[in-house]
Each structure stands twice: as structure tokens, then as C-alpha cells.
Amino acid sequence: PGQTLLVHGGSGGVGTFAVQLGVALGARVLTTAGGPVRAARCRDLGAEVVIDHRAEDFVEVVADATDGRGADVVLDVVGAAYLGRNLQALATGGRLAVIGLQKGRRGELDLGRLLARRATVLGTTLRSRPAHEKAAIVADVREHVWPHVVAGRVRPVVHTTLPLDEAARAHELMASGEVFGKVLLLP
């Protein structure tokens, strides 16, 4: 509660969930999204500030929105392309969680800035974890996240559903950059 959260990709499947969860947990949520339609939908989910990554510099907007303090937490699905700028957008003592690599696996990090900010950088993925770690995560989600889903404060956002045999079309949709939320494939 009371912290500032910057969610990159606020119009994606993970981003729409993260925006809502941040709001439900009492954070001030800022997010990036592409274009005015997706920006409006992110605001509808509770984001206080939406940054159009196609036209605005998120570092500048975060600085303006936080009176120069920066975000306490940055949730990043973009990866290398945003690494250095994410560090610039962090508050002193802030945390950067990298959970995706949409725009690259290798980036450059200014260690001097990292030290000066006393920042923490965390990289994580669910896919490669052993079963016992996944079970512990499920238990944490059940305890801390699921009550917000049950209460309707956090809900899945589905852009569209397609039959499984249209998986190629689902990939095309995702690559188009025009999706808001999840694309579900059904058997």
C-alpha cells in the first residue's frame, strides 16, 4: 500500500492483471500502453497514469508523476530494450522485476546508477521452476491474490477466444500489437 508501481505492457494479459492487482493492493499504478484506445482501457482498470510508449518517454512521465522520486516497483515484460531506462525510472531503494524478454535478452546496466539507487533487480520466470516451487507459488496466489479475484477487484481480461486449430491466427493477433488482454485458445 502507498507505493508507486510502474507496469510495462499494461494492455497485455499479464499487464492487465498486474494493473488491477496493484490497485487492489493499494498501490498508485502507472502503466505503459500503445495508443489512446488501450490507454483509456488501462485507466478503466484503475491505472492512474498511462504512458503511451509510442509517443512518450516513460522515464520523464514517471519523474513528473512522482515529483522526481521515481517508481518503487517496476514490473517489466519488455526486457533488454528498457533495462537502463527502468533503472532511471526507479526510486531510491526501488525494485525492478524483469519477467519477460519481448524486446531482447541482453542489455547494458549502469552499475553506478544501480548502487546509487540502492536498487534491487530481480529476474524470474515460472516456466523453469521445479514442481515444489510452483506449488508454493500457487499457495501464495491462493492466499494473497485469489481473494481479490473472488471479490471482483481483479478479473481476467480476454481480448478474444479462438479454436485451437486457429493457433496461427492467435499468434498473428498477438504480433499485431492490437490485443488488449489475453487471447484464449479453446479445444
N, C-alpha and C. Protein backbone atom coordinates (compact mmCIF):
# COMPACT_ATOMS: atom_id res chain seq x y z
N PRO A 1 0.82 -1.21 0.00
CA PRO A 1 0.00 0.00 0.00
C PRO A 1 0.86 1.27 0.00
N GLY A 2 0.42 2.25 -0.77
CA GLY A 2 1.10 3.53 -0.79
C GLY A 2 2.32 3.60 -1.67
N GLN A 3 2.68 2.51 -2.31
CA GLN A 3 3.85 2.52 -3.19
C GLN A 3 3.42 2.82 -4.62
N THR A 4 4.39 3.27 -5.42
CA THR A 4 4.14 3.54 -6.83
C THR A 4 4.65 2.37 -7.64
N LEU A 5 3.77 1.82 -8.47
CA LEU A 5 4.07 0.67 -9.31
C LEU A 5 4.00 1.09 -10.77
N LEU A 6 5.06 0.84 -11.52
CA LEU A 6 5.05 1.03 -12.97
C LEU A 6 4.96 -0.34 -13.62
N VAL A 7 3.90 -0.56 -14.39
CA VAL A 7 3.69 -1.82 -15.10
C VAL A 7 3.91 -1.56 -16.58
N HIS A 8 4.92 -2.20 -17.15
CA HIS A 8 5.10 -2.11 -18.60
C HIS A 8 4.15 -3.09 -19.27
N GLY A 9 3.61 -2.69 -20.41
CA GLY A 9 2.70 -3.57 -21.12
C GLY A 9 1.37 -3.72 -20.42
N GLY A 10 0.81 -2.62 -19.95
CA GLY A 10 -0.44 -2.65 -19.20
C GLY A 10 -1.63 -3.14 -19.97
N SER A 11 -1.52 -3.25 -21.30
CA SER A 11 -2.65 -3.72 -22.09
C SER A 11 -2.53 -5.20 -22.43
N GLY A 12 -1.45 -5.84 -22.03
CA GLY A 12 -1.27 -7.27 -22.29
C GLY A 12 -1.95 -8.13 -21.24
N GLY A 13 -1.88 -9.42 -21.43
CA GLY A 13 -2.51 -10.34 -20.50
C GLY A 13 -1.97 -10.23 -19.09
N VAL A 14 -0.65 -10.22 -18.94
CA VAL A 14 -0.03 -10.07 -17.63
C VAL A 14 -0.25 -8.65 -17.12
N GLY A 15 -0.09 -7.68 -17.99
CA GLY A 15 -0.21 -6.27 -17.60
C GLY A 15 -1.58 -5.90 -17.09
N THR A 16 -2.64 -6.37 -17.75
CA THR A 16 -3.99 -6.04 -17.29
C THR A 16 -4.24 -6.60 -15.89
N PHE A 17 -3.71 -7.78 -15.65
CA PHE A 17 -3.85 -8.39 -14.32
C PHE A 17 -3.03 -7.63 -13.29
N ALA A 18 -1.79 -7.26 -13.66
CA ALA A 18 -0.89 -6.56 -12.73
C ALA A 18 -1.43 -5.18 -12.36
N VAL A 19 -2.00 -4.47 -13.33
CA VAL A 19 -2.58 -3.16 -13.04
C VAL A 19 -3.68 -3.31 -12.00
N GLN A 20 -4.59 -4.24 -12.23
CA GLN A 20 -5.71 -4.43 -11.30
C GLN A 20 -5.24 -4.89 -9.92
N LEU A 21 -4.27 -5.80 -9.89
CA LEU A 21 -3.78 -6.29 -8.60
C LEU A 21 -3.07 -5.18 -7.84
N GLY A 22 -2.28 -4.38 -8.55
CA GLY A 22 -1.61 -3.25 -7.90
C GLY A 22 -2.62 -2.31 -7.25
N VAL A 23 -3.67 -1.98 -7.98
CA VAL A 23 -4.72 -1.11 -7.44
C VAL A 23 -5.38 -1.77 -6.23
N ALA A 24 -5.71 -3.06 -6.35
CA ALA A 24 -6.37 -3.78 -5.25
C ALA A 24 -5.49 -3.81 -3.99
N LEU A 25 -4.17 -3.82 -4.18
CA LEU A 25 -3.25 -3.86 -3.04
C LEU A 25 -2.91 -2.47 -2.52
N GLY A 26 -3.49 -1.43 -3.13
CA GLY A 26 -3.30 -0.08 -2.63
C GLY A 26 -2.15 0.70 -3.23
N ALA A 27 -1.59 0.21 -4.32
CA ALA A 27 -0.50 0.94 -4.99
C ALA A 27 -1.06 2.04 -5.88
N ARG A 28 -0.25 3.03 -6.12
CA ARG A 28 -0.52 4.02 -7.15
C ARG A 28 0.07 3.43 -8.43
N VAL A 29 -0.77 3.14 -9.43
CA VAL A 29 -0.33 2.40 -10.60
C VAL A 29 -0.16 3.31 -11.81
N LEU A 30 1.03 3.22 -12.40
CA LEU A 30 1.35 3.85 -13.67
C LEU A 30 1.61 2.71 -14.64
N THR A 31 1.26 2.88 -15.90
CA THR A 31 1.50 1.80 -16.86
C THR A 31 1.82 2.36 -18.23
N THR A 32 2.46 1.52 -19.04
CA THR A 32 2.71 1.87 -20.44
C THR A 32 1.73 1.08 -21.30
N ALA A 33 1.30 1.71 -22.38
CA ALA A 33 0.42 1.07 -23.35
C ALA A 33 0.58 1.83 -24.66
N GLY A 34 0.19 1.21 -25.75
CA GLY A 34 0.33 1.84 -27.06
C GLY A 34 -0.98 2.37 -27.59
N GLY A 35 -1.09 3.69 -27.69
CA GLY A 35 -2.25 4.31 -28.30
C GLY A 35 -3.35 4.69 -27.33
N PRO A 36 -4.22 5.62 -27.75
CA PRO A 36 -5.24 6.17 -26.87
C PRO A 36 -6.34 5.18 -26.47
N VAL A 37 -6.68 4.24 -27.34
CA VAL A 37 -7.74 3.28 -27.01
C VAL A 37 -7.28 2.38 -25.87
N ARG A 38 -6.08 1.82 -26.00
CA ARG A 38 -5.57 0.95 -24.94
C ARG A 38 -5.29 1.75 -23.67
N ALA A 39 -4.86 3.00 -23.83
CA ALA A 39 -4.63 3.85 -22.66
C ALA A 39 -5.93 4.03 -21.87
N ALA A 40 -7.02 4.31 -22.57
CA ALA A 40 -8.31 4.50 -21.91
C ALA A 40 -8.74 3.23 -21.19
N ARG A 41 -8.52 2.09 -21.81
CA ARG A 41 -8.91 0.82 -21.18
C ARG A 41 -8.05 0.54 -19.95
N CYS A 42 -6.76 0.93 -19.99
CA CYS A 42 -5.91 0.77 -18.80
C CYS A 42 -6.40 1.66 -17.66
N ARG A 43 -6.85 2.87 -18.00
CA ARG A 43 -7.42 3.76 -16.97
C ARG A 43 -8.68 3.12 -16.38
N ASP A 44 -9.48 2.49 -17.23
CA ASP A 44 -10.69 1.81 -16.74
C ASP A 44 -10.35 0.70 -15.75
N LEU A 45 -9.16 0.11 -15.90
CA LEU A 45 -8.72 -0.95 -14.98
C LEU A 45 -8.17 -0.37 -13.68
N GLY A 46 -7.98 0.95 -13.64
CA GLY A 46 -7.52 1.59 -12.41
C GLY A 46 -6.18 2.28 -12.47
N ALA A 47 -5.49 2.20 -13.62
CA ALA A 47 -4.21 2.89 -13.73
C ALA A 47 -4.43 4.40 -13.61
N GLU A 48 -3.65 5.03 -12.75
CA GLU A 48 -3.77 6.47 -12.55
C GLU A 48 -3.10 7.25 -13.68
N VAL A 49 -1.96 6.76 -14.14
CA VAL A 49 -1.21 7.40 -15.22
C VAL A 49 -0.93 6.34 -16.28
N VAL A 50 -1.27 6.65 -17.54
CA VAL A 50 -0.96 5.75 -18.64
C VAL A 50 -0.01 6.48 -19.59
N ILE A 51 1.10 5.84 -19.89
CA ILE A 51 2.15 6.42 -20.73
C ILE A 51 2.08 5.74 -22.09
N ASP A 52 1.89 6.53 -23.14
CA ASP A 52 1.87 5.98 -24.49
C ASP A 52 3.31 5.74 -24.92
N HIS A 53 3.74 4.49 -24.89
CA HIS A 53 5.14 4.18 -25.19
C HIS A 53 5.51 4.52 -26.63
N ARG A 54 4.53 4.75 -27.48
CA ARG A 54 4.82 5.13 -28.87
C ARG A 54 5.15 6.61 -29.00
N ALA A 55 4.71 7.41 -28.04
CA ALA A 55 4.86 8.87 -28.17
C ALA A 55 5.51 9.55 -26.97
N GLU A 56 5.64 8.85 -25.85
CA GLU A 56 6.16 9.48 -24.63
C GLU A 56 7.34 8.70 -24.07
N ASP A 57 8.20 9.39 -23.34
CA ASP A 57 9.32 8.76 -22.65
C ASP A 57 8.86 8.41 -21.24
N PHE A 58 8.79 7.12 -20.95
CA PHE A 58 8.25 6.72 -19.65
C PHE A 58 9.09 7.23 -18.49
N VAL A 59 10.39 7.39 -18.68
CA VAL A 59 11.25 7.90 -17.60
C VAL A 59 10.81 9.31 -17.22
N GLU A 60 10.58 10.15 -18.22
CA GLU A 60 10.15 11.54 -17.96
C GLU A 60 8.77 11.58 -17.32
N VAL A 61 7.85 10.78 -17.82
CA VAL A 61 6.48 10.80 -17.28
C VAL A 61 6.47 10.30 -15.83
N VAL A 62 7.23 9.24 -15.55
CA VAL A 62 7.31 8.73 -14.18
C VAL A 62 7.90 9.80 -13.26
N ALA A 63 8.96 10.46 -13.71
CA ALA A 63 9.57 11.52 -12.90
C ALA A 63 8.55 12.62 -12.61
N ASP A 64 7.81 13.05 -13.64
CA ASP A 64 6.80 14.10 -13.46
C ASP A 64 5.70 13.64 -12.50
N ALA A 65 5.24 12.41 -12.68
CA ALA A 65 4.11 11.90 -11.89
C ALA A 65 4.48 11.65 -10.43
N THR A 66 5.78 11.51 -10.16
CA THR A 66 6.21 11.19 -8.79
C THR A 66 7.03 12.33 -8.18
N ASP A 67 6.95 13.51 -8.77
CA ASP A 67 7.73 14.66 -8.30
C ASP A 67 9.22 14.34 -8.22
N GLY A 68 9.69 13.57 -9.20
CA GLY A 68 11.11 13.25 -9.30
C GLY A 68 11.57 12.07 -8.46
N ARG A 69 10.67 11.48 -7.69
CA ARG A 69 11.04 10.39 -6.80
C ARG A 69 11.26 9.07 -7.54
N GLY A 70 10.44 8.77 -8.51
CA GLY A 70 10.53 7.51 -9.25
C GLY A 70 9.56 6.47 -8.72
N ALA A 71 9.50 5.35 -9.42
CA ALA A 71 8.60 4.25 -9.04
C ALA A 71 9.28 3.36 -8.02
N ASP A 72 8.52 2.92 -7.04
CA ASP A 72 9.04 1.99 -6.03
C ASP A 72 9.27 0.60 -6.64
N VAL A 73 8.38 0.23 -7.56
CA VAL A 73 8.48 -1.08 -8.21
C VAL A 73 8.22 -0.89 -9.70
N VAL A 74 9.04 -1.54 -10.53
CA VAL A 74 8.82 -1.59 -11.97
C VAL A 74 8.66 -3.06 -12.34
N LEU A 75 7.54 -3.40 -12.98
CA LEU A 75 7.29 -4.74 -13.48
C LEU A 75 7.49 -4.70 -14.98
N ASP A 76 8.49 -5.43 -15.47
CA ASP A 76 8.91 -5.29 -16.87
C ASP A 76 8.77 -6.59 -17.64
N VAL A 77 7.97 -6.56 -18.70
CA VAL A 77 7.86 -7.68 -19.63
C VAL A 77 8.67 -7.44 -20.90
N VAL A 78 9.25 -6.24 -21.03
CA VAL A 78 9.94 -5.84 -22.26
C VAL A 78 11.35 -6.40 -22.33
N GLY A 79 12.12 -6.29 -21.25
CA GLY A 79 13.47 -6.84 -21.23
C GLY A 79 14.54 -5.83 -21.58
N ALA A 80 15.52 -6.27 -22.34
CA ALA A 80 16.76 -5.52 -22.58
C ALA A 80 16.54 -4.10 -23.06
N ALA A 81 15.58 -3.89 -23.93
CA ALA A 81 15.37 -2.55 -24.50
C ALA A 81 15.04 -1.51 -23.44
N TYR A 82 14.49 -1.94 -22.31
CA TYR A 82 14.10 -1.00 -21.25
C TYR A 82 15.01 -1.04 -20.02
N LEU A 83 15.99 -1.92 -19.99
CA LEU A 83 16.75 -2.16 -18.77
C LEU A 83 17.34 -0.89 -18.17
N GLY A 84 18.13 -0.15 -18.93
CA GLY A 84 18.76 1.06 -18.41
C GLY A 84 17.76 2.12 -18.02
N ARG A 85 16.73 2.29 -18.85
CA ARG A 85 15.72 3.31 -18.57
C ARG A 85 14.86 2.93 -17.37
N ASN A 86 14.63 1.62 -17.18
CA ASN A 86 13.91 1.19 -15.97
C ASN A 86 14.65 1.62 -14.72
N LEU A 87 15.95 1.48 -14.74
CA LEU A 87 16.75 1.88 -13.58
C LEU A 87 16.64 3.38 -13.34
N GLN A 88 16.58 4.16 -14.43
CA GLN A 88 16.40 5.62 -14.30
C GLN A 88 15.04 5.95 -13.70
N ALA A 89 14.04 5.12 -13.97
CA ALA A 89 12.67 5.38 -13.50
C ALA A 89 12.44 4.93 -12.07
N LEU A 90 13.38 4.18 -11.50
CA LEU A 90 13.21 3.65 -10.14
C LEU A 90 13.48 4.70 -9.07
N ALA A 91 12.74 4.62 -8.00
CA ALA A 91 13.01 5.42 -6.80
C ALA A 91 14.22 4.84 -6.08
N THR A 92 14.83 5.62 -5.23
CA THR A 92 15.89 5.10 -4.37
C THR A 92 15.32 3.95 -3.54
N GLY A 93 16.02 2.83 -3.54
CA GLY A 93 15.54 1.64 -2.84
C GLY A 93 14.50 0.86 -3.62
N GLY A 94 14.27 1.24 -4.89
CA GLY A 94 13.25 0.60 -5.70
C GLY A 94 13.63 -0.79 -6.15
N ARG A 95 12.60 -1.50 -6.65
CA ARG A 95 12.78 -2.87 -7.13
C ARG A 95 12.33 -2.98 -8.57
N LEU A 96 13.18 -3.61 -9.38
CA LEU A 96 12.87 -3.88 -10.78
C LEU A 96 12.69 -5.38 -10.93
N ALA A 97 11.51 -5.80 -11.36
CA ALA A 97 11.23 -7.22 -11.60
C ALA A 97 11.10 -7.43 -13.10
N VAL A 98 12.03 -8.17 -13.67
CA VAL A 98 12.02 -8.48 -15.10
C VAL A 98 11.39 -9.85 -15.26
N ILE A 99 10.23 -9.89 -15.95
CA ILE A 99 9.51 -11.15 -16.09
C ILE A 99 9.28 -11.51 -17.55
N GLY A 100 9.84 -10.73 -18.47
CA GLY A 100 9.68 -11.02 -19.89
C GLY A 100 10.82 -10.46 -20.69
N LEU A 101 10.94 -10.96 -21.91
CA LEU A 101 12.05 -10.58 -22.79
C LEU A 101 11.54 -10.21 -24.18
N GLN A 102 10.40 -9.52 -24.25
CA GLN A 102 9.79 -9.22 -25.54
C GLN A 102 10.72 -8.46 -26.48
N LYS A 103 11.58 -7.62 -25.91
CA LYS A 103 12.48 -6.83 -26.77
C LYS A 103 13.94 -7.03 -26.37
N GLY A 104 14.30 -8.29 -26.21
CA GLY A 104 15.71 -8.59 -26.04
C GLY A 104 16.10 -9.24 -24.73
N ARG A 105 17.13 -10.09 -24.84
CA ARG A 105 17.65 -10.84 -23.70
C ARG A 105 18.88 -10.20 -23.09
N ARG A 106 19.61 -9.42 -23.86
CA ARG A 106 20.87 -8.86 -23.38
C ARG A 106 20.78 -7.34 -23.36
N GLY A 107 21.11 -6.79 -22.20
CA GLY A 107 21.08 -5.34 -22.05
C GLY A 107 22.28 -4.87 -21.27
N GLU A 108 22.45 -3.57 -21.25
CA GLU A 108 23.55 -2.98 -20.51
C GLU A 108 23.00 -2.29 -19.28
N LEU A 109 23.68 -2.46 -18.16
CA LEU A 109 23.23 -1.91 -16.90
C LEU A 109 24.31 -1.02 -16.30
N ASP A 110 23.94 0.19 -15.96
CA ASP A 110 24.86 1.12 -15.31
C ASP A 110 24.93 0.74 -13.84
N LEU A 111 26.00 0.04 -13.48
CA LEU A 111 26.14 -0.43 -12.10
C LEU A 111 26.29 0.72 -11.11
N GLY A 112 26.87 1.83 -11.56
CA GLY A 112 26.96 3.01 -10.69
C GLY A 112 25.59 3.52 -10.31
N ARG A 113 24.68 3.58 -11.29
CA ARG A 113 23.31 4.01 -11.00
C ARG A 113 22.60 3.00 -10.11
N LEU A 114 22.84 1.71 -10.36
CA LEU A 114 22.24 0.66 -9.53
C LEU A 114 22.66 0.84 -8.07
N LEU A 115 23.96 1.08 -7.85
CA LEU A 115 24.46 1.27 -6.49
C LEU A 115 23.92 2.55 -5.87
N ALA A 116 23.94 3.63 -6.64
CA ALA A 116 23.48 4.92 -6.12
C ALA A 116 22.00 4.86 -5.74
N ARG A 117 21.22 4.12 -6.50
CA ARG A 117 19.79 3.99 -6.22
C ARG A 117 19.50 2.96 -5.13
N ARG A 118 20.52 2.18 -4.78
CA ARG A 118 20.31 1.08 -3.83
C ARG A 118 19.13 0.22 -4.29
N ALA A 119 19.14 -0.06 -5.58
CA ALA A 119 18.03 -0.76 -6.21
C ALA A 119 18.26 -2.27 -6.21
N THR A 120 17.18 -2.98 -6.36
CA THR A 120 17.20 -4.43 -6.48
C THR A 120 16.66 -4.80 -7.85
N VAL A 121 17.37 -5.67 -8.55
CA VAL A 121 16.91 -6.18 -9.84
C VAL A 121 16.66 -7.67 -9.68
N LEU A 122 15.45 -8.10 -10.02
CA LEU A 122 15.05 -9.49 -9.90
C LEU A 122 14.59 -9.98 -11.26
N GLY A 123 15.11 -11.09 -11.69
CA GLY A 123 14.62 -11.74 -12.90
C GLY A 123 13.97 -13.05 -12.51
N THR A 124 12.80 -13.30 -13.05
CA THR A 124 12.12 -14.54 -12.66
C THR A 124 11.19 -15.03 -13.76
N THR A 125 10.98 -16.32 -13.77
CA THR A 125 10.03 -16.96 -14.67
C THR A 125 9.43 -18.16 -13.96
N LEU A 126 8.25 -18.51 -14.31
CA LEU A 126 7.60 -19.66 -13.70
C LEU A 126 7.97 -20.95 -14.43
N ARG A 127 8.14 -20.83 -15.73
CA ARG A 127 8.30 -21.99 -16.60
C ARG A 127 9.38 -22.98 -16.14
N SER A 128 10.55 -22.48 -15.75
CA SER A 128 11.68 -23.36 -15.46
C SER A 128 11.77 -23.80 -13.99
N ARG A 129 10.81 -23.42 -13.19
CA ARG A 129 10.87 -23.77 -11.77
C ARG A 129 10.46 -25.22 -11.53
N PRO A 130 11.05 -25.84 -10.51
CA PRO A 130 10.64 -27.21 -10.17
C PRO A 130 9.22 -27.22 -9.59
N ALA A 131 8.60 -28.39 -9.60
CA ALA A 131 7.20 -28.53 -9.18
C ALA A 131 6.96 -28.03 -7.76
N HIS A 132 7.87 -28.27 -6.83
CA HIS A 132 7.63 -27.84 -5.44
C HIS A 132 7.62 -26.31 -5.33
N GLU A 133 8.42 -25.62 -6.14
CA GLU A 133 8.38 -24.15 -6.12
C GLU A 133 7.08 -23.64 -6.73
N LYS A 134 6.65 -24.28 -7.81
CA LYS A 134 5.38 -23.89 -8.42
C LYS A 134 4.23 -24.09 -7.44
N ALA A 135 4.27 -25.18 -6.68
CA ALA A 135 3.22 -25.44 -5.68
C ALA A 135 3.22 -24.36 -4.61
N ALA A 136 4.39 -23.91 -4.18
CA ALA A 136 4.46 -22.84 -3.17
C ALA A 136 3.90 -21.53 -3.73
N ILE A 137 4.17 -21.27 -5.00
CA ILE A 137 3.65 -20.05 -5.64
C ILE A 137 2.13 -20.13 -5.72
N VAL A 138 1.61 -21.28 -6.10
CA VAL A 138 0.15 -21.46 -6.17
C VAL A 138 -0.47 -21.21 -4.79
N ALA A 139 0.16 -21.71 -3.74
CA ALA A 139 -0.36 -21.48 -2.38
C ALA A 139 -0.35 -20.00 -2.03
N ASP A 140 0.71 -19.28 -2.40
CA ASP A 140 0.78 -17.84 -2.16
C ASP A 140 -0.31 -17.09 -2.94
N VAL A 141 -0.50 -17.49 -4.20
CA VAL A 141 -1.55 -16.86 -5.02
C VAL A 141 -2.91 -17.12 -4.40
N ARG A 142 -3.14 -18.35 -3.97
CA ARG A 142 -4.42 -18.69 -3.34
C ARG A 142 -4.68 -17.81 -2.13
N GLU A 143 -3.65 -17.57 -1.34
CA GLU A 143 -3.81 -16.79 -0.11
C GLU A 143 -3.88 -15.29 -0.35
N HIS A 144 -3.04 -14.77 -1.24
CA HIS A 144 -2.89 -13.31 -1.35
C HIS A 144 -3.58 -12.68 -2.57
N VAL A 145 -3.75 -13.45 -3.64
CA VAL A 145 -4.31 -12.90 -4.88
C VAL A 145 -5.75 -13.33 -5.08
N TRP A 146 -6.01 -14.61 -4.88
CA TRP A 146 -7.33 -15.15 -5.18
C TRP A 146 -8.47 -14.41 -4.47
N PRO A 147 -8.32 -13.98 -3.22
CA PRO A 147 -9.41 -13.23 -2.59
C PRO A 147 -9.80 -11.97 -3.39
N HIS A 148 -8.85 -11.34 -4.05
CA HIS A 148 -9.16 -10.16 -4.87
C HIS A 148 -9.92 -10.56 -6.14
N VAL A 149 -9.63 -11.75 -6.67
CA VAL A 149 -10.35 -12.25 -7.84
C VAL A 149 -11.79 -12.58 -7.43
N VAL A 150 -11.94 -13.30 -6.34
CA VAL A 150 -13.28 -13.68 -5.86
C VAL A 150 -14.13 -12.45 -5.58
N ALA A 151 -13.51 -11.41 -5.02
CA ALA A 151 -14.23 -10.17 -4.69
C ALA A 151 -14.49 -9.31 -5.92
N GLY A 152 -13.94 -9.69 -7.09
CA GLY A 152 -14.16 -8.92 -8.31
C GLY A 152 -13.25 -7.72 -8.48
N ARG A 153 -12.27 -7.56 -7.61
CA ARG A 153 -11.33 -6.44 -7.74
C ARG A 153 -10.30 -6.69 -8.83
N VAL A 154 -10.06 -7.96 -9.13
CA VAL A 154 -9.15 -8.36 -10.20
C VAL A 154 -9.89 -9.38 -11.05
N ARG A 155 -9.90 -9.14 -12.35
CA ARG A 155 -10.60 -10.07 -13.23
C ARG A 155 -9.77 -10.28 -14.50
N PRO A 156 -9.85 -11.47 -15.06
CA PRO A 156 -9.12 -11.69 -16.31
C PRO A 156 -9.73 -10.85 -17.43
N VAL A 157 -8.89 -10.34 -18.28
CA VAL A 157 -9.34 -9.56 -19.44
C VAL A 157 -9.05 -10.40 -20.68
N VAL A 158 -10.10 -10.78 -21.40
CA VAL A 158 -9.96 -11.63 -22.57
C VAL A 158 -10.28 -10.82 -23.82
N HIS A 159 -9.30 -10.71 -24.70
CA HIS A 159 -9.49 -9.99 -25.96
C HIS A 159 -10.40 -10.79 -26.88
N THR A 160 -10.08 -12.07 -27.03
CA THR A 160 -10.88 -12.95 -27.88
C THR A 160 -10.58 -14.40 -27.56
N THR A 161 -11.47 -15.27 -27.99
CA THR A 161 -11.23 -16.71 -27.91
C THR A 161 -11.24 -17.26 -29.33
N LEU A 162 -10.39 -18.24 -29.55
CA LEU A 162 -10.29 -18.87 -30.87
C LEU A 162 -10.20 -20.38 -30.67
N PRO A 163 -10.68 -21.15 -31.65
CA PRO A 163 -10.49 -22.60 -31.56
C PRO A 163 -9.00 -22.94 -31.69
N LEU A 164 -8.61 -24.03 -31.07
CA LEU A 164 -7.21 -24.45 -31.05
C LEU A 164 -6.62 -24.55 -32.45
N ASP A 165 -7.42 -24.96 -33.42
CA ASP A 165 -6.88 -25.10 -34.77
C ASP A 165 -6.60 -23.75 -35.43
N GLU A 166 -6.90 -22.65 -34.75
CA GLU A 166 -6.55 -21.31 -35.25
C GLU A 166 -5.41 -20.70 -34.44
N ALA A 167 -4.53 -21.55 -33.94
CA ALA A 167 -3.39 -21.07 -33.14
C ALA A 167 -2.52 -20.09 -33.94
N ALA A 168 -2.36 -20.34 -35.22
CA ALA A 168 -1.55 -19.42 -36.05
C ALA A 168 -2.19 -18.04 -36.07
N ARG A 169 -3.50 -17.98 -36.16
CA ARG A 169 -4.20 -16.68 -36.12
C ARG A 169 -3.99 -16.00 -34.77
N ALA A 170 -4.01 -16.77 -33.70
CA ALA A 170 -3.77 -16.21 -32.36
C ALA A 170 -2.39 -15.57 -32.30
N HIS A 171 -1.40 -16.24 -32.86
CA HIS A 171 -0.04 -15.68 -32.88
C HIS A 171 0.00 -14.40 -33.71
N GLU A 172 -0.70 -14.38 -34.83
CA GLU A 172 -0.76 -13.17 -35.66
C GLU A 172 -1.39 -12.02 -34.88
N LEU A 173 -2.47 -12.30 -34.18
CA LEU A 173 -3.12 -11.27 -33.36
C LEU A 173 -2.15 -10.72 -32.32
N MET A 174 -1.46 -11.61 -31.62
CA MET A 174 -0.52 -11.18 -30.58
C MET A 174 0.59 -10.32 -31.19
N ALA A 175 1.07 -10.71 -32.36
CA ALA A 175 2.15 -9.97 -33.01
C ALA A 175 1.68 -8.61 -33.54
N SER A 176 0.38 -8.46 -33.74
CA SER A 176 -0.15 -7.21 -34.31
C SER A 176 -0.02 -6.03 -33.36
N GLY A 177 0.10 -6.31 -32.07
CA GLY A 177 0.16 -5.23 -31.09
C GLY A 177 -1.19 -4.58 -30.83
N GLU A 178 -2.24 -5.16 -31.31
CA GLU A 178 -3.58 -4.58 -31.15
C GLU A 178 -4.43 -5.31 -30.12
N VAL A 179 -3.86 -6.27 -29.44
CA VAL A 179 -4.61 -7.07 -28.46
C VAL A 179 -4.66 -6.33 -27.13
N PHE A 180 -5.80 -6.41 -26.45
CA PHE A 180 -5.93 -5.91 -25.08
C PHE A 180 -6.34 -7.08 -24.21
N GLY A 181 -5.44 -7.57 -23.40
CA GLY A 181 -5.71 -8.72 -22.55
C GLY A 181 -5.18 -10.00 -23.18
N LYS A 182 -5.87 -11.09 -22.90
CA LYS A 182 -5.44 -12.42 -23.33
C LYS A 182 -6.16 -12.85 -24.60
N VAL A 183 -5.48 -13.67 -25.38
CA VAL A 183 -6.10 -14.41 -26.48
C VAL A 183 -6.14 -15.86 -26.02
N LEU A 184 -7.34 -16.41 -25.92
CA LEU A 184 -7.50 -17.77 -25.42
C LEU A 184 -7.75 -18.74 -26.57
N LEU A 185 -7.06 -19.87 -26.52
CA LEU A 185 -7.29 -20.96 -27.47
C LEU A 185 -8.12 -22.02 -26.77
N LEU A 186 -9.22 -22.42 -27.40
CA LEU A 186 -10.13 -23.41 -26.81
C LEU A 186 -10.13 -24.68 -27.65
N PRO A 187 -10.23 -25.84 -26.98
CA PRO A 187 -10.25 -27.11 -27.72
C PRO A 187 -11.51 -27.25 -28.57
